[in-house]
N, C-alpha and C. Protein backbone atom coordinates (compact mmCIF):
# COMPACT_ATOMS: atom_id res chain seq x y z
N MET A 1 -40.78 -8.69 -11.04
CA MET A 1 -40.24 -9.58 -10.04
C MET A 1 -38.77 -9.88 -10.30
N THR A 2 -38.42 -10.08 -11.58
CA THR A 2 -37.04 -10.39 -11.91
C THR A 2 -36.14 -9.18 -11.64
N GLY A 3 -36.65 -7.99 -11.90
CA GLY A 3 -35.87 -6.78 -11.65
C GLY A 3 -35.54 -6.61 -10.17
N LEU A 4 -36.49 -6.96 -9.31
CA LEU A 4 -36.26 -6.86 -7.87
C LEU A 4 -35.19 -7.85 -7.43
N THR A 5 -35.21 -9.05 -7.99
CA THR A 5 -34.20 -10.06 -7.66
C THR A 5 -32.81 -9.61 -8.11
N LEU A 6 -32.72 -9.03 -9.29
CA LEU A 6 -31.44 -8.53 -9.79
C LEU A 6 -30.92 -7.38 -8.93
N LEU A 7 -31.84 -6.52 -8.47
CA LEU A 7 -31.44 -5.41 -7.63
C LEU A 7 -30.91 -5.90 -6.29
N GLN A 8 -31.55 -6.93 -5.72
CA GLN A 8 -31.06 -7.50 -4.46
C GLN A 8 -29.69 -8.13 -4.65
N ALA A 9 -29.49 -8.82 -5.75
CA ALA A 9 -28.19 -9.44 -6.02
C ALA A 9 -27.11 -8.38 -6.17
N ALA A 10 -27.42 -7.28 -6.81
CA ALA A 10 -26.45 -6.20 -6.98
C ALA A 10 -26.10 -5.56 -5.64
N MET A 11 -27.07 -5.42 -4.76
CA MET A 11 -26.81 -4.85 -3.44
C MET A 11 -25.91 -5.77 -2.62
N ASP A 12 -26.11 -7.08 -2.73
CA ASP A 12 -25.27 -8.03 -2.01
C ASP A 12 -23.83 -7.96 -2.52
N LEU A 13 -23.66 -7.83 -3.82
CA LEU A 13 -22.32 -7.74 -4.39
C LEU A 13 -21.63 -6.43 -4.02
N ALA A 14 -22.40 -5.36 -3.84
CA ALA A 14 -21.83 -4.07 -3.46
C ALA A 14 -21.19 -4.17 -2.08
N ALA A 15 -21.83 -4.88 -1.18
CA ALA A 15 -21.27 -5.04 0.17
C ALA A 15 -19.98 -5.84 0.12
N ILE A 16 -19.95 -6.86 -0.71
CA ILE A 16 -18.74 -7.67 -0.85
C ILE A 16 -17.62 -6.82 -1.48
N GLY A 17 -17.96 -5.99 -2.44
CA GLY A 17 -16.97 -5.11 -3.07
C GLY A 17 -16.39 -4.11 -2.09
N LYS A 18 -17.23 -3.57 -1.21
CA LYS A 18 -16.74 -2.63 -0.21
C LYS A 18 -15.83 -3.33 0.79
N ALA A 19 -16.16 -4.55 1.16
CA ALA A 19 -15.30 -5.31 2.07
C ALA A 19 -13.96 -5.59 1.40
N GLY A 20 -13.99 -5.94 0.13
CA GLY A 20 -12.75 -6.19 -0.61
C GLY A 20 -11.90 -4.94 -0.73
N ALA A 21 -12.53 -3.79 -0.91
CA ALA A 21 -11.78 -2.53 -0.99
C ALA A 21 -11.12 -2.22 0.34
N GLY A 22 -11.82 -2.48 1.44
CA GLY A 22 -11.23 -2.27 2.76
C GLY A 22 -10.05 -3.18 3.01
N ILE A 23 -10.18 -4.43 2.61
CA ILE A 23 -9.08 -5.38 2.76
C ILE A 23 -7.90 -4.96 1.89
N GLY A 24 -8.19 -4.50 0.68
CA GLY A 24 -7.12 -4.05 -0.22
C GLY A 24 -6.37 -2.85 0.35
N ALA A 25 -7.09 -1.90 0.95
CA ALA A 25 -6.44 -0.74 1.55
C ALA A 25 -5.55 -1.16 2.71
N GLY A 26 -6.04 -2.11 3.50
CA GLY A 26 -5.23 -2.60 4.62
C GLY A 26 -3.98 -3.32 4.15
N LEU A 27 -4.11 -4.13 3.12
CA LEU A 27 -2.95 -4.84 2.58
C LEU A 27 -1.93 -3.87 1.98
N ALA A 28 -2.41 -2.80 1.36
CA ALA A 28 -1.50 -1.81 0.80
C ALA A 28 -0.70 -1.12 1.92
N ALA A 29 -1.37 -0.81 3.02
CA ALA A 29 -0.68 -0.17 4.15
C ALA A 29 0.33 -1.12 4.78
N ILE A 30 -0.05 -2.38 4.94
CA ILE A 30 0.87 -3.37 5.52
C ILE A 30 2.07 -3.58 4.60
N GLY A 31 1.81 -3.69 3.31
CA GLY A 31 2.91 -3.88 2.35
C GLY A 31 3.87 -2.70 2.35
N ALA A 32 3.35 -1.49 2.45
CA ALA A 32 4.22 -0.31 2.49
C ALA A 32 5.06 -0.31 3.76
N GLY A 33 4.46 -0.68 4.87
CA GLY A 33 5.22 -0.73 6.11
C GLY A 33 6.34 -1.74 6.06
N LEU A 34 6.05 -2.90 5.51
CA LEU A 34 7.10 -3.93 5.38
C LEU A 34 8.19 -3.48 4.40
N GLY A 35 7.79 -2.87 3.31
CA GLY A 35 8.77 -2.41 2.32
C GLY A 35 9.68 -1.34 2.87
N ILE A 36 9.13 -0.36 3.56
CA ILE A 36 9.96 0.71 4.12
C ILE A 36 10.84 0.16 5.24
N GLY A 37 10.33 -0.80 6.00
CA GLY A 37 11.16 -1.44 7.03
C GLY A 37 12.36 -2.15 6.43
N ASN A 38 12.14 -2.86 5.34
CA ASN A 38 13.25 -3.56 4.67
C ASN A 38 14.25 -2.57 4.07
N ILE A 39 13.75 -1.45 3.55
CA ILE A 39 14.65 -0.43 3.01
C ILE A 39 15.53 0.12 4.13
N GLY A 40 14.93 0.44 5.26
CA GLY A 40 15.70 0.96 6.39
C GLY A 40 16.71 -0.05 6.91
N LYS A 41 16.29 -1.31 6.99
CA LYS A 41 17.20 -2.36 7.46
C LYS A 41 18.42 -2.46 6.53
N GLY A 42 18.16 -2.49 5.23
CA GLY A 42 19.26 -2.59 4.27
C GLY A 42 20.19 -1.40 4.33
N ALA A 43 19.60 -0.22 4.52
CA ALA A 43 20.43 0.99 4.57
C ALA A 43 21.32 0.99 5.82
N VAL A 44 20.76 0.61 6.95
CA VAL A 44 21.56 0.58 8.18
C VAL A 44 22.68 -0.44 8.06
N GLU A 45 22.39 -1.60 7.48
CA GLU A 45 23.43 -2.61 7.30
C GLU A 45 24.52 -2.12 6.34
N ALA A 46 24.12 -1.44 5.28
CA ALA A 46 25.09 -0.94 4.31
C ALA A 46 25.97 0.15 4.93
N ILE A 47 25.35 1.03 5.73
CA ILE A 47 26.14 2.08 6.37
C ILE A 47 27.10 1.49 7.40
N ALA A 48 26.67 0.41 8.06
CA ALA A 48 27.56 -0.24 9.03
C ALA A 48 28.77 -0.87 8.33
N ARG A 49 28.58 -1.38 7.12
CA ARG A 49 29.70 -1.97 6.37
C ARG A 49 30.62 -0.91 5.78
N GLN A 50 30.02 0.18 5.28
CA GLN A 50 30.81 1.23 4.63
C GLN A 50 30.37 2.60 5.15
N PRO A 51 30.87 3.01 6.29
CA PRO A 51 30.44 4.29 6.87
C PRO A 51 30.74 5.50 5.98
N GLU A 52 31.76 5.42 5.15
CA GLU A 52 32.11 6.56 4.30
C GLU A 52 31.07 6.81 3.21
N ALA A 53 30.26 5.81 2.89
CA ALA A 53 29.22 5.97 1.87
C ALA A 53 27.86 6.27 2.50
N GLY A 54 27.85 6.67 3.75
CA GLY A 54 26.60 6.89 4.48
C GLY A 54 25.69 7.92 3.85
N GLY A 55 26.26 9.02 3.36
CA GLY A 55 25.44 10.08 2.76
C GLY A 55 24.71 9.62 1.51
N ASP A 56 25.42 8.93 0.64
CA ASP A 56 24.80 8.43 -0.60
C ASP A 56 23.75 7.37 -0.29
N ILE A 57 24.05 6.49 0.64
CA ILE A 57 23.10 5.43 1.00
C ILE A 57 21.84 6.04 1.60
N ARG A 58 22.02 7.02 2.47
CA ARG A 58 20.87 7.67 3.12
C ARG A 58 19.99 8.37 2.08
N THR A 59 20.62 9.04 1.12
CA THR A 59 19.85 9.73 0.08
C THR A 59 19.03 8.74 -0.74
N ASN A 60 19.65 7.64 -1.14
CA ASN A 60 18.94 6.63 -1.91
C ASN A 60 17.84 5.98 -1.09
N MET A 61 18.07 5.79 0.21
CA MET A 61 17.06 5.19 1.08
C MET A 61 15.83 6.09 1.17
N ILE A 62 16.04 7.37 1.36
CA ILE A 62 14.92 8.30 1.48
C ILE A 62 14.14 8.37 0.17
N LEU A 63 14.83 8.40 -0.94
CA LEU A 63 14.17 8.45 -2.24
C LEU A 63 13.34 7.19 -2.49
N THR A 64 13.91 6.04 -2.21
CA THR A 64 13.19 4.78 -2.42
C THR A 64 11.99 4.67 -1.47
N ALA A 65 12.16 5.08 -0.23
CA ALA A 65 11.04 5.04 0.72
C ALA A 65 9.91 5.96 0.27
N ALA A 66 10.25 7.10 -0.31
CA ALA A 66 9.22 8.02 -0.81
C ALA A 66 8.45 7.38 -1.97
N PHE A 67 9.16 6.66 -2.85
CA PHE A 67 8.47 5.99 -3.95
C PHE A 67 7.53 4.90 -3.43
N VAL A 68 7.99 4.13 -2.46
CA VAL A 68 7.14 3.07 -1.88
C VAL A 68 5.91 3.70 -1.22
N GLU A 69 6.11 4.77 -0.50
CA GLU A 69 5.00 5.45 0.17
C GLU A 69 4.01 6.01 -0.85
N GLY A 70 4.53 6.55 -1.96
CA GLY A 70 3.64 7.08 -2.99
C GLY A 70 2.79 6.00 -3.64
N VAL A 71 3.38 4.85 -3.91
CA VAL A 71 2.62 3.74 -4.50
C VAL A 71 1.57 3.24 -3.52
N ALA A 72 1.93 3.16 -2.24
CA ALA A 72 0.97 2.70 -1.22
C ALA A 72 -0.18 3.69 -1.08
N LEU A 73 0.12 4.97 -1.10
CA LEU A 73 -0.93 5.98 -1.01
C LEU A 73 -1.86 5.90 -2.21
N PHE A 74 -1.29 5.69 -3.39
CA PHE A 74 -2.12 5.54 -4.59
C PHE A 74 -3.05 4.33 -4.45
N ALA A 75 -2.52 3.21 -3.96
CA ALA A 75 -3.34 2.00 -3.79
C ALA A 75 -4.46 2.23 -2.78
N ILE A 76 -4.17 2.91 -1.70
CA ILE A 76 -5.19 3.17 -0.69
C ILE A 76 -6.27 4.09 -1.24
N VAL A 77 -5.88 5.11 -2.00
CA VAL A 77 -6.86 6.03 -2.58
C VAL A 77 -7.76 5.29 -3.57
N VAL A 78 -7.18 4.41 -4.38
CA VAL A 78 -7.99 3.64 -5.33
C VAL A 78 -8.98 2.76 -4.59
N CYS A 79 -8.53 2.11 -3.53
CA CYS A 79 -9.43 1.26 -2.75
C CYS A 79 -10.56 2.07 -2.11
N LEU A 80 -10.23 3.25 -1.61
CA LEU A 80 -11.26 4.09 -1.00
C LEU A 80 -12.22 4.64 -2.04
N LEU A 81 -11.74 4.89 -3.25
CA LEU A 81 -12.65 5.34 -4.31
C LEU A 81 -13.61 4.24 -4.73
N ILE A 82 -13.20 3.00 -4.61
CA ILE A 82 -14.09 1.88 -4.94
C ILE A 82 -15.25 1.85 -3.96
N VAL A 83 -14.99 2.20 -2.71
CA VAL A 83 -16.03 2.18 -1.69
C VAL A 83 -17.11 3.19 -2.00
N LEU A 84 -16.72 4.35 -2.54
CA LEU A 84 -17.69 5.41 -2.82
C LEU A 84 -18.49 5.11 -4.01
């Protein structure tokens, strides 16, 4: 009887864990979108102030956006692995 109760409790916690993983994946995607948006905003403002440095600023913007996207993808994959 006790084993059945423990099994039911574990099943209830599994559903909560899956919901948490889904929320975590969503938050990772939202955070990446906000981060890349801020990177783009800063780059456009910097290029507007110093047009001659546009090439360097653009290169750094693309590199930083790729790093943010990579971290977000890693977070989403971890969250999805928790679901499985």
